[in-house]
Amino acid sequence: MYAIVESGGRQYRAEEGNTFSVEKLPYEVGDQVELTNVLLLADGDAVQVGQPTVAGATVKATVVQQYRGKKILVWKYRAKLRYRRRQGHRQDYTRLRIDEIVAG
């Protein structure tokens, strides 16, 4: 059984026991999180597609880690104007472990 959930404007495939990283959520490590934006539920051949979400379906997860991603460099450059700017950025992420998928 798996579910497609939405978090932070992105969609993720959630299966029980698996982990995945989402944009930072305001929870501490060890907290329980309930994801209610379930777009699709699949259990073998039985597939429920939400319009836009599956009614009553939730995904329960545990926060495993809060971390920062790899640094990326952002360059701004304008030709012939001696204009150069360099800026670094590190995105904050939350790693979730899926505990249970509850069908509605």
PDB file of N, CA and C in Angstrom:
ATOM      1  N   MET A   1       0.856  -1.179   0.000  1.00  0.00           N
ATOM      2  CA  MET A   1       0.000   0.000   0.000  1.00  0.00           C
ATOM      3  C   MET A   1       0.896   1.234   0.000  1.00  0.00           C
ATOM      4  N   TYR A   2       0.522   2.198  -0.818  1.00  0.00           N
ATOM      5  CA  TYR A   2       1.244   3.459  -0.826  1.00  0.00           C
ATOM      6  C   TYR A   2       0.282   4.614  -1.067  1.00  0.00           C
ATOM      7  N   ALA A   3       0.760   5.823  -0.779  1.00  0.00           N
ATOM      8  CA  ALA A   3      -0.057   7.021  -0.960  1.00  0.00           C
ATOM      9  C   ALA A   3       0.812   8.107  -1.579  1.00  0.00           C
ATOM     10  N   ILE A   4       0.191   8.972  -2.337  1.00  0.00           N
ATOM     11  CA  ILE A   4       0.857  10.166  -2.853  1.00  0.00           C
ATOM     12  C   ILE A   4       0.365  11.327  -1.995  1.00  0.00           C
ATOM     13  N   VAL A   5       1.298  11.989  -1.297  1.00  0.00           N
ATOM     14  CA  VAL A   5       0.944  13.094  -0.403  1.00  0.00           C
ATOM     15  C   VAL A   5       1.607  14.368  -0.898  1.00  0.00           C
ATOM     16  N   GLU A   6       1.000  15.497  -0.519  1.00  0.00           N
ATOM     17  CA  GLU A   6       1.534  16.794  -0.900  1.00  0.00           C
ATOM     18  C   GLU A   6       2.015  17.518   0.354  1.00  0.00           C
ATOM     19  N   SER A   7       3.213  18.090   0.264  1.00  0.00           N
ATOM     20  CA  SER A   7       3.771  18.881   1.354  1.00  0.00           C
ATOM     21  C   SER A   7       4.679  19.939   0.755  1.00  0.00           C
ATOM     22  N   GLY A   8       4.443  21.181   1.111  1.00  0.00           N
ATOM     23  CA  GLY A   8       5.279  22.254   0.601  1.00  0.00           C
ATOM     24  C   GLY A   8       5.156  22.461  -0.890  1.00  0.00           C
ATOM     25  N   GLY A   9       3.999  22.134  -1.467  1.00  0.00           N
ATOM     26  CA  GLY A   9       3.797  22.326  -2.893  1.00  0.00           C
ATOM     27  C   GLY A   9       4.381  21.226  -3.759  1.00  0.00           C
ATOM     28  N   ARG A  10       4.954  20.191  -3.145  1.00  0.00           N
ATOM     29  CA  ARG A  10       5.533  19.076  -3.893  1.00  0.00           C
ATOM     30  C   ARG A  10       4.831  17.785  -3.511  1.00  0.00           C
ATOM     31  N   GLN A  11       4.904  16.795  -4.396  1.00  0.00           N
ATOM     32  CA  GLN A  11       4.239  15.518  -4.164  1.00  0.00           C
ATOM     33  C   GLN A  11       5.273  14.433  -3.890  1.00  0.00           C
ATOM     34  N   TYR A  12       4.954  13.543  -2.942  1.00  0.00           N
ATOM     35  CA  TYR A  12       5.869  12.490  -2.518  1.00  0.00           C
ATOM     36  C   TYR A  12       5.117  11.169  -2.442  1.00  0.00           C
ATOM     37  N   ARG A  13       5.838  10.087  -2.734  1.00  0.00           N
ATOM     38  CA  ARG A  13       5.267   8.740  -2.607  1.00  0.00           C
ATOM     39  C   ARG A  13       5.599   8.226  -1.214  1.00  0.00           C
ATOM     40  N   ALA A  14       4.559   7.904  -0.438  1.00  0.00           N
ATOM     41  CA  ALA A  14       4.733   7.467   0.944  1.00  0.00           C
ATOM     42  C   ALA A  14       4.357   5.994   1.069  1.00  0.00           C
ATOM     43  N   GLU A  15       5.315   5.178   1.548  1.00  0.00           N
ATOM     44  CA  GLU A  15       5.060   3.770   1.853  1.00  0.00           C
ATOM     45  C   GLU A  15       5.442   3.534   3.303  1.00  0.00           C
ATOM     46  N   GLU A  16       4.720   2.665   3.985  1.00  0.00           N
ATOM     47  CA  GLU A  16       4.993   2.405   5.402  1.00  0.00           C
ATOM     48  C   GLU A  16       6.426   1.922   5.595  1.00  0.00           C
ATOM     49  N   GLY A  17       7.117   2.554   6.556  1.00  0.00           N
ATOM     50  CA  GLY A  17       8.496   2.180   6.863  1.00  0.00           C
ATOM     51  C   GLY A  17       9.545   2.968   6.100  1.00  0.00           C
ATOM     52  N   ASN A  18       9.167   3.590   4.989  1.00  0.00           N
ATOM     53  CA  ASN A  18      10.127   4.360   4.197  1.00  0.00           C
ATOM     54  C   ASN A  18      10.285   5.767   4.749  1.00  0.00           C
ATOM     55  N   THR A  19      11.389   6.426   4.379  1.00  0.00           N
ATOM     56  CA  THR A  19      11.629   7.812   4.762  1.00  0.00           C
ATOM     57  C   THR A  19      11.770   8.661   3.512  1.00  0.00           C
ATOM     58  N   PHE A  20      11.431   9.936   3.654  1.00  0.00           N
ATOM     59  CA  PHE A  20      11.684  10.904   2.592  1.00  0.00           C
ATOM     60  C   PHE A  20      11.815  12.283   3.208  1.00  0.00           C
ATOM     61  N   SER A  21      12.405  13.187   2.466  1.00  0.00           N
ATOM     62  CA  SER A  21      12.675  14.535   2.955  1.00  0.00           C
ATOM     63  C   SER A  21      11.718  15.527   2.311  1.00  0.00           C
ATOM     64  N   VAL A  22      11.177  16.430   3.137  1.00  0.00           N
ATOM     65  CA  VAL A  22      10.293  17.488   2.667  1.00  0.00           C
ATOM     66  C   VAL A  22      10.888  18.826   3.101  1.00  0.00           C
ATOM     67  N   GLU A  23      10.365  19.916   2.556  1.00  0.00           N
ATOM     68  CA  GLU A  23      10.814  21.219   3.022  1.00  0.00           C
ATOM     69  C   GLU A  23      10.487  21.346   4.502  1.00  0.00           C
ATOM     70  N   LYS A  24      11.246  22.164   5.202  1.00  0.00           N
ATOM     71  CA  LYS A  24      11.199  22.212   6.660  1.00  0.00           C
ATOM     72  C   LYS A  24       9.786  22.378   7.207  1.00  0.00           C
ATOM     73  N   LEU A  25       9.454  21.517   8.179  1.00  0.00           N
ATOM     74  CA  LEU A  25       8.190  21.588   8.903  1.00  0.00           C
ATOM     75  C   LEU A  25       8.492  22.008  10.342  1.00  0.00           C
ATOM     76  N   PRO A  26       7.585  22.734  10.995  1.00  0.00           N
ATOM     77  CA  PRO A  26       7.862  23.272  12.340  1.00  0.00           C
ATOM     78  C   PRO A  26       7.636  22.248  13.458  1.00  0.00           C
ATOM     79  N   TYR A  27       8.341  21.119  13.401  1.00  0.00           N
ATOM     80  CA  TYR A  27       8.216  20.079  14.414  1.00  0.00           C
ATOM     81  C   TYR A  27       9.604  19.699  14.912  1.00  0.00           C
ATOM     82  N   GLU A  28       9.654  19.135  16.123  1.00  0.00           N
ATOM     83  CA  GLU A  28      10.912  18.670  16.705  1.00  0.00           C
ATOM     84  C   GLU A  28      11.131  17.197  16.333  1.00  0.00           C
ATOM     85  N   VAL A  29      12.365  16.739  16.470  1.00  0.00           N
ATOM     86  CA  VAL A  29      12.687  15.335  16.200  1.00  0.00           C
ATOM     87  C   VAL A  29      11.923  14.455  17.191  1.00  0.00           C
ATOM     88  N   GLY A  30      11.261  13.433  16.677  1.00  0.00           N
ATOM     89  CA  GLY A  30      10.468  12.532  17.503  1.00  0.00           C
ATOM     90  C   GLY A  30       8.989  12.858  17.523  1.00  0.00           C
ATOM     91  N   ASP A  31       8.589  14.029  17.042  1.00  0.00           N
ATOM     92  CA  ASP A  31       7.177  14.411  17.012  1.00  0.00           C
ATOM     93  C   ASP A  31       6.420  13.614  15.955  1.00  0.00           C
ATOM     94  N   GLN A  32       5.123  13.412  16.206  1.00  0.00           N
ATOM     95  CA  GLN A  32       4.235  12.772  15.243  1.00  0.00           C
ATOM     96  C   GLN A  32       3.639  13.842  14.330  1.00  0.00           C
ATOM     97  N   VAL A  33       3.601  13.564  13.044  1.00  0.00           N
ATOM     98  CA  VAL A  33       3.054  14.486  12.049  1.00  0.00           C
ATOM     99  C   VAL A  33       1.947  13.758  11.306  1.00  0.00           C
ATOM    100  N   GLU A  34       0.864  14.474  11.044  1.00  0.00           N
ATOM    101  CA  GLU A  34      -0.234  13.890  10.287  1.00  0.00           C
ATOM    102  C   GLU A  34      -0.377  14.665   8.982  1.00  0.00           C
ATOM    103  N   LEU A  35      -0.148  13.991   7.866  1.00  0.00           N
ATOM    104  CA  LEU A  35      -0.268  14.606   6.544  1.00  0.00           C
ATOM    105  C   LEU A  35      -1.667  14.309   6.015  1.00  0.00           C
ATOM    106  N   THR A  36      -2.441  15.367   5.787  1.00  0.00           N
ATOM    107  CA  THR A  36      -3.834  15.183   5.381  1.00  0.00           C
ATOM    108  C   THR A  36      -4.063  15.412   3.891  1.00  0.00           C
ATOM    109  N   ASN A  37      -3.091  15.975   3.189  1.00  0.00           N
ATOM    110  CA  ASN A  37      -3.236  16.197   1.749  1.00  0.00           C
ATOM    111  C   ASN A  37      -2.843  14.937   0.993  1.00  0.00           C
ATOM    112  N   VAL A  38      -3.720  13.926   1.041  1.00  0.00           N
ATOM    113  CA  VAL A  38      -3.478  12.664   0.350  1.00  0.00           C
ATOM    114  C   VAL A  38      -4.155  12.748  -1.008  1.00  0.00           C
ATOM    115  N   LEU A  39      -3.367  12.691  -2.071  1.00  0.00           N
ATOM    116  CA  LEU A  39      -3.898  12.850  -3.421  1.00  0.00           C
ATOM    117  C   LEU A  39      -4.300  11.523  -4.056  1.00  0.00           C
ATOM    118  N   LEU A  40      -3.657  10.420  -3.597  1.00  0.00           N
ATOM    119  CA  LEU A  40      -3.933   9.122  -4.195  1.00  0.00           C
ATOM    120  C   LEU A  40      -3.625   8.037  -3.171  1.00  0.00           C
ATOM    121  N   LEU A  41      -4.450   7.007  -3.142  1.00  0.00           N
ATOM    122  CA  LEU A  41      -4.218   5.823  -2.314  1.00  0.00           C
ATOM    123  C   LEU A  41      -4.230   4.602  -3.226  1.00  0.00           C
ATOM    124  N   ALA A  42      -3.238   3.740  -3.084  1.00  0.00           N
ATOM    125  CA  ALA A  42      -3.179   2.525  -3.901  1.00  0.00           C
ATOM    126  C   ALA A  42      -2.902   1.333  -2.994  1.00  0.00           C
ATOM    127  N   ASP A  43      -3.738   0.306  -3.116  1.00  0.00           N
ATOM    128  CA  ASP A  43      -3.562  -0.930  -2.363  1.00  0.00           C
ATOM    129  C   ASP A  43      -3.752  -2.080  -3.344  1.00  0.00           C
ATOM    130  N   GLY A  44      -2.660  -2.539  -3.929  1.00  0.00           N
ATOM    131  CA  GLY A  44      -2.754  -3.573  -4.964  1.00  0.00           C
ATOM    132  C   GLY A  44      -3.402  -2.998  -6.211  1.00  0.00           C
ATOM    133  N   ASP A  45      -4.505  -3.601  -6.623  1.00  0.00           N
ATOM    134  CA  ASP A  45      -5.223  -3.115  -7.805  1.00  0.00           C
ATOM    135  C   ASP A  45      -6.238  -2.032  -7.471  1.00  0.00           C
ATOM    136  N   ALA A  46      -6.558  -1.866  -6.181  1.00  0.00           N
ATOM    137  CA  ALA A  46      -7.539  -0.856  -5.772  1.00  0.00           C
ATOM    138  C   ALA A  46      -6.847   0.506  -5.659  1.00  0.00           C
ATOM    139  N   VAL A  47      -7.282   1.433  -6.480  1.00  0.00           N
ATOM    140  CA  VAL A  47      -6.685   2.776  -6.495  1.00  0.00           C
ATOM    141  C   VAL A  47      -7.786   3.801  -6.269  1.00  0.00           C
ATOM    142  N   GLN A  48      -7.565   4.696  -5.289  1.00  0.00           N
ATOM    143  CA  GLN A  48      -8.492   5.804  -5.047  1.00  0.00           C
ATOM    144  C   GLN A  48      -7.775   7.095  -5.419  1.00  0.00           C
ATOM    145  N   VAL A  49      -8.357   7.836  -6.345  1.00  0.00           N
ATOM    146  CA  VAL A  49      -7.782   9.106  -6.765  1.00  0.00           C
ATOM    147  C   VAL A  49      -8.637  10.219  -6.192  1.00  0.00           C
ATOM    148  N   GLY A  50      -8.031  11.158  -5.505  1.00  0.00           N
ATOM    149  CA  GLY A  50      -8.770  12.252  -4.887  1.00  0.00           C
ATOM    150  C   GLY A  50      -9.123  13.332  -5.871  1.00  0.00           C
ATOM    151  N   GLN A  51     -10.155  14.081  -5.528  1.00  0.00           N
ATOM    152  CA  GLN A  51     -10.585  15.189  -6.373  1.00  0.00           C
ATOM    153  C   GLN A  51     -10.855  16.409  -5.524  1.00  0.00           C
ATOM    154  N   PRO A  52      -9.900  17.151  -4.998  1.00  0.00           N
ATOM    155  CA  PRO A  52      -8.454  16.999  -5.215  1.00  0.00           C
ATOM    156  C   PRO A  52      -7.774  16.070  -4.213  1.00  0.00           C
ATOM    157  N   THR A  53      -8.418  15.796  -3.041  1.00  0.00           N
ATOM    158  CA  THR A  53      -7.806  14.883  -2.077  1.00  0.00           C
ATOM    159  C   THR A  53      -8.756  13.734  -1.779  1.00  0.00           C
ATOM    160  N   VAL A  54      -8.200  12.643  -1.247  1.00  0.00           N
ATOM    161  CA  VAL A  54      -9.015  11.489  -0.855  1.00  0.00           C
ATOM    162  C   VAL A  54      -9.655  11.812   0.489  1.00  0.00           C
ATOM    163  N   ALA A  55     -10.976  11.746   0.558  1.00  0.00           N
ATOM    164  CA  ALA A  55     -11.699  12.132   1.768  1.00  0.00           C
ATOM    165  C   ALA A  55     -11.387  11.189   2.922  1.00  0.00           C
ATOM    166  N   GLY A  56     -10.978  11.773   4.054  1.00  0.00           N
ATOM    167  CA  GLY A  56     -10.737  11.014   5.267  1.00  0.00           C
ATOM    168  C   GLY A  56      -9.408  10.281   5.329  1.00  0.00           C
ATOM    169  N   ALA A  57      -8.613  10.317   4.289  1.00  0.00           N
ATOM    170  CA  ALA A  57      -7.338   9.602   4.281  1.00  0.00           C
ATOM    171  C   ALA A  57      -6.243  10.469   4.900  1.00  0.00           C
ATOM    172  N   THR A  58      -5.410   9.863   5.720  1.00  0.00           N
ATOM    173  CA  THR A  58      -4.276  10.563   6.328  1.00  0.00           C
ATOM    174  C   THR A  58      -3.059   9.653   6.317  1.00  0.00           C
ATOM    175  N   VAL A  59      -1.897  10.279   6.421  1.00  0.00           N
ATOM    176  CA  VAL A  59      -0.636   9.556   6.534  1.00  0.00           C
ATOM    177  C   VAL A  59       0.024  10.019   7.821  1.00  0.00           C
ATOM    178  N   LYS A  60       0.320   9.068   8.716  1.00  0.00           N
ATOM    179  CA  LYS A  60       0.956   9.402   9.989  1.00  0.00           C
ATOM    180  C   LYS A  60       2.449   9.129   9.870  1.00  0.00           C
ATOM    181  N   ALA A  61       3.252  10.123  10.276  1.00  0.00           N
ATOM    182  CA  ALA A  61       4.696  10.022  10.141  1.00  0.00           C
ATOM    183  C   ALA A  61       5.375  10.534  11.401  1.00  0.00           C
ATOM    184  N   THR A  62       6.646  10.191  11.557  1.00  0.00           N
ATOM    185  CA  THR A  62       7.469  10.645  12.668  1.00  0.00           C
ATOM    186  C   THR A  62       8.641  11.437  12.107  1.00  0.00           C
ATOM    187  N   VAL A  63       8.951  12.566  12.764  1.00  0.00           N
ATOM    188  CA  VAL A  63      10.094  13.371  12.343  1.00  0.00           C
ATOM    189  C   VAL A  63      11.360  12.659  12.805  1.00  0.00           C
ATOM    190  N   VAL A  64      12.226  12.312  11.845  1.00  0.00           N
ATOM    191  CA  VAL A  64      13.453  11.595  12.142  1.00  0.00           C
ATOM    192  C   VAL A  64      14.628  12.563  12.277  1.00  0.00           C
ATOM    193  N   GLN A  65      14.631  13.618  11.451  1.00  0.00           N
ATOM    194  CA  GLN A  65      15.792  14.501  11.401  1.00  0.00           C
ATOM    195  C   GLN A  65      15.388  15.861  10.849  1.00  0.00           C
ATOM    196  N   GLN A  66      16.012  16.912  11.398  1.00  0.00           N
ATOM    197  CA  GLN A  66      15.936  18.252  10.825  1.00  0.00           C
ATOM    198  C   GLN A  66      17.352  18.563  10.347  1.00  0.00           C
ATOM    199  N   TYR A  67      17.519  18.888   9.068  1.00  0.00           N
ATOM    200  CA  TYR A  67      18.866  19.108   8.563  1.00  0.00           C
ATOM    201  C   TYR A  67      18.866  20.147   7.450  1.00  0.00           C
ATOM    202  N   ARG A  68      20.076  20.545   7.066  1.00  0.00           N
ATOM    203  CA  ARG A  68      20.242  21.503   5.977  1.00  0.00           C
ATOM    204  C   ARG A  68      20.876  20.801   4.801  1.00  0.00           C
ATOM    205  N   GLY A  69      20.414  21.157   3.614  1.00  0.00           N
ATOM    206  CA  GLY A  69      20.920  20.531   2.401  1.00  0.00           C
ATOM    207  C   GLY A  69      22.285  21.060   2.007  1.00  0.00           C
ATOM    208  N   LYS A  70      22.765  20.559   0.904  1.00  0.00           N
ATOM    209  CA  LYS A  70      24.056  20.939   0.371  1.00  0.00           C
ATOM    210  C   LYS A  70      24.031  22.398  -0.082  1.00  0.00           C
ATOM    211  N   LYS A  71      25.157  23.084   0.064  1.00  0.00           N
ATOM    212  CA  LYS A  71      25.215  24.489  -0.330  1.00  0.00           C
ATOM    213  C   LYS A  71      25.245  24.617  -1.845  1.00  0.00           C
ATOM    214  N   ILE A  72      24.433  25.545  -2.348  1.00  0.00           N
ATOM    215  CA  ILE A  72      24.492  25.882  -3.769  1.00  0.00           C
ATOM    216  C   ILE A  72      24.957  27.326  -3.882  1.00  0.00           C
ATOM    217  N   LEU A  73      25.623  27.640  -4.970  1.00  0.00           N
ATOM    218  CA  LEU A  73      26.095  28.998  -5.214  1.00  0.00           C
ATOM    219  C   LEU A  73      25.246  29.638  -6.289  1.00  0.00           C
ATOM    220  N   VAL A  74      24.824  30.860  -6.039  1.00  0.00           N
ATOM    221  CA  VAL A  74      24.004  31.618  -6.975  1.00  0.00           C
ATOM    222  C   VAL A  74      24.862  32.763  -7.497  1.00  0.00           C
ATOM    223  N   TRP A  75      25.042  32.817  -8.804  1.00  0.00           N
ATOM    224  CA  TRP A  75      25.855  33.871  -9.422  1.00  0.00           C
ATOM    225  C   TRP A  75      24.966  34.821 -10.191  1.00  0.00           C
ATOM    226  N   LYS A  76      25.250  36.111 -10.046  1.00  0.00           N
ATOM    227  CA  LYS A  76      24.626  37.131 -10.890  1.00  0.00           C
ATOM    228  C   LYS A  76      25.749  37.779 -11.683  1.00  0.00           C
ATOM    229  N   TYR A  77      25.541  37.980 -12.967  1.00  0.00           N
ATOM    230  CA  TYR A  77      26.585  38.510 -13.824  1.00  0.00           C
ATOM    231  C   TYR A  77      25.943  39.321 -14.936  1.00  0.00           C
ATOM    232  N   ARG A  78      26.494  40.505 -15.183  1.00  0.00           N
ATOM    233  CA  ARG A  78      26.035  41.310 -16.315  1.00  0.00           C
ATOM    234  C   ARG A  78      27.228  41.613 -17.195  1.00  0.00           C
ATOM    235  N   ALA A  79      27.113  41.235 -18.429  1.00  0.00           N
ATOM    236  CA  ALA A  79      28.227  41.402 -19.361  1.00  0.00           C
ATOM    237  C   ALA A  79      28.531  42.889 -19.582  1.00  0.00           C
ATOM    238  N   LYS A  80      29.808  43.200 -19.662  1.00  0.00           N
ATOM    239  CA  LYS A  80      30.327  44.536 -20.003  1.00  0.00           C
ATOM    240  C   LYS A  80      30.048  45.595 -18.948  1.00  0.00           C
ATOM    241  N   LEU A  81      29.553  45.216 -17.763  1.00  0.00           N
ATOM    242  CA  LEU A  81      29.238  46.214 -16.739  1.00  0.00           C
ATOM    243  C   LEU A  81      30.066  46.037 -15.468  1.00  0.00           C
ATOM    244  N   ARG A  82      30.975  45.079 -15.438  1.00  0.00           N
ATOM    245  CA  ARG A  82      31.774  44.776 -14.249  1.00  0.00           C
ATOM    246  C   ARG A  82      30.884  44.492 -13.034  1.00  0.00           C
ATOM    247  N   TYR A  83      29.780  43.839 -13.266  1.00  0.00           N
ATOM    248  CA  TYR A  83      28.827  43.516 -12.207  1.00  0.00           C
ATOM    249  C   TYR A  83      28.861  42.008 -11.967  1.00  0.00           C
ATOM    250  N   ARG A  84      29.327  41.600 -10.802  1.00  0.00           N
ATOM    251  CA  ARG A  84      29.361  40.190 -10.426  1.00  0.00           C
ATOM    252  C   ARG A  84      28.953  40.064  -8.962  1.00  0.00           C
ATOM    253  N   ARG A  85      28.050  39.147  -8.663  1.00  0.00           N
ATOM    254  CA  ARG A  85      27.627  38.906  -7.288  1.00  0.00           C
ATOM    255  C   ARG A  85      27.580  37.391  -7.062  1.00  0.00           C
ATOM    256  N   ARG A  86      28.045  36.966  -5.907  1.00  0.00           N
ATOM    257  CA  ARG A  86      27.988  35.552  -5.554  1.00  0.00           C
ATOM    258  C   ARG A  86      27.268  35.426  -4.218  1.00  0.00           C
ATOM    259  N   GLN A  87      26.344  34.500  -4.153  1.00  0.00           N
ATOM    260  CA  GLN A  87      25.582  34.288  -2.931  1.00  0.00           C
ATOM    261  C   GLN A  87      25.404  32.788  -2.730  1.00  0.00           C
ATOM    262  N   GLY A  88      25.545  32.337  -1.487  1.00  0.00           N
ATOM    263  CA  GLY A  88      25.339  30.936  -1.173  1.00  0.00           C
ATOM    264  C   GLY A  88      23.963  30.719  -0.560  1.00  0.00           C
ATOM    265  N   HIS A  89      23.454  29.483  -0.675  1.00  0.00           N
ATOM    266  CA  HIS A  89      22.139  29.158  -0.113  1.00  0.00           C
ATOM    267  C   HIS A  89      22.137  27.702   0.331  1.00  0.00           C
ATOM    268  N   ARG A  90      21.592  27.445   1.526  1.00  0.00           N
ATOM    269  CA  ARG A  90      21.375  26.082   2.017  1.00  0.00           C
ATOM    270  C   ARG A  90      19.925  25.951   2.434  1.00  0.00           C
ATOM    271  N   GLN A  91      19.232  24.991   1.838  1.00  0.00           N
ATOM    272  CA  GLN A  91      17.813  24.778   2.118  1.00  0.00           C
ATOM    273  C   GLN A  91      17.651  23.925   3.373  1.00  0.00           C
ATOM    274  N   ASP A  92      16.648  24.229   4.197  1.00  0.00           N
ATOM    275  CA  ASP A  92      16.327  23.441   5.381  1.00  0.00           C
ATOM    276  C   ASP A  92      15.329  22.341   5.002  1.00  0.00           C
ATOM    277  N   TYR A  93      15.570  21.131   5.513  1.00  0.00           N
ATOM    278  CA  TYR A  93      14.721  19.985   5.213  1.00  0.00           C
ATOM    279  C   TYR A  93      14.308  19.274   6.497  1.00  0.00           C
ATOM    280  N   THR A  94      13.218  18.516   6.410  1.00  0.00           N
ATOM    281  CA  THR A  94      12.745  17.643   7.478  1.00  0.00           C
ATOM    282  C   THR A  94      12.626  16.240   6.903  1.00  0.00           C
ATOM    283  N   ARG A  95      13.241  15.262   7.565  1.00  0.00           N
ATOM    284  CA  ARG A  95      13.145  13.873   7.119  1.00  0.00           C
ATOM    285  C   ARG A  95      12.034  13.184   7.908  1.00  0.00           C
ATOM    286  N   LEU A  96      11.095  12.570   7.193  1.00  0.00           N
ATOM    287  CA  LEU A  96       9.939  11.903   7.803  1.00  0.00           C
ATOM    288  C   LEU A  96      10.014  10.403   7.577  1.00  0.00           C
ATOM    289  N   ARG A  97       9.636   9.621   8.597  1.00  0.00           N
ATOM    290  CA  ARG A  97       9.478   8.178   8.475  1.00  0.00           C
ATOM    291  C   ARG A  97       7.991   7.871   8.528  1.00  0.00           C
ATOM    292  N   ILE A  98       7.479   7.157   7.562  1.00  0.00           N
ATOM    293  CA  ILE A  98       6.050   6.858   7.473  1.00  0.00           C
ATOM    294  C   ILE A  98       5.723   5.708   8.413  1.00  0.00           C
ATOM    295  N   ASP A  99       4.786   5.945   9.350  1.00  0.00           N
ATOM    296  CA  ASP A  99       4.375   4.931  10.309  1.00  0.00           C
ATOM    297  C   ASP A  99       3.131   4.198   9.869  1.00  0.00           C
ATOM    298  N   GLU A 100       2.167   4.949   9.338  1.00  0.00           N
ATOM    299  CA  GLU A 100       0.866   4.336   9.038  1.00  0.00           C
ATOM    300  C   GLU A 100       0.157   5.129   7.956  1.00  0.00           C
ATOM    301  N   ILE A 101      -0.529   4.413   7.084  1.00  0.00           N
ATOM    302  CA  ILE A 101      -1.380   5.033   6.075  1.00  0.00           C
ATOM    303  C   ILE A 101      -2.816   4.643   6.396  1.00  0.00           C
ATOM    304  N   VAL A 102      -3.647   5.650   6.690  1.00  0.00           N
ATOM    305  CA  VAL A 102      -5.033   5.408   7.096  1.00  0.00           C
ATOM    306  C   VAL A 102      -5.954   5.777   5.937  1.00  0.00           C
ATOM    307  N   ALA A 103      -6.682   4.791   5.432  1.00  0.00           N
ATOM    308  CA  ALA A 103      -7.642   5.039   4.350  1.00  0.00           C
ATOM    309  C   ALA A 103      -8.927   5.614   4.937  1.00  0.00           C
ATOM    310  N   GLY A 104      -9.585   6.491   4.170  1.00  0.00           N
ATOM    311  CA  GLY A 104     -10.776   7.159   4.662  1.00  0.00           C
ATOM    312  C   GLY A 104     -12.005   6.351   4.639  1.00  0.00           C
TER     313      GLY A 104
END
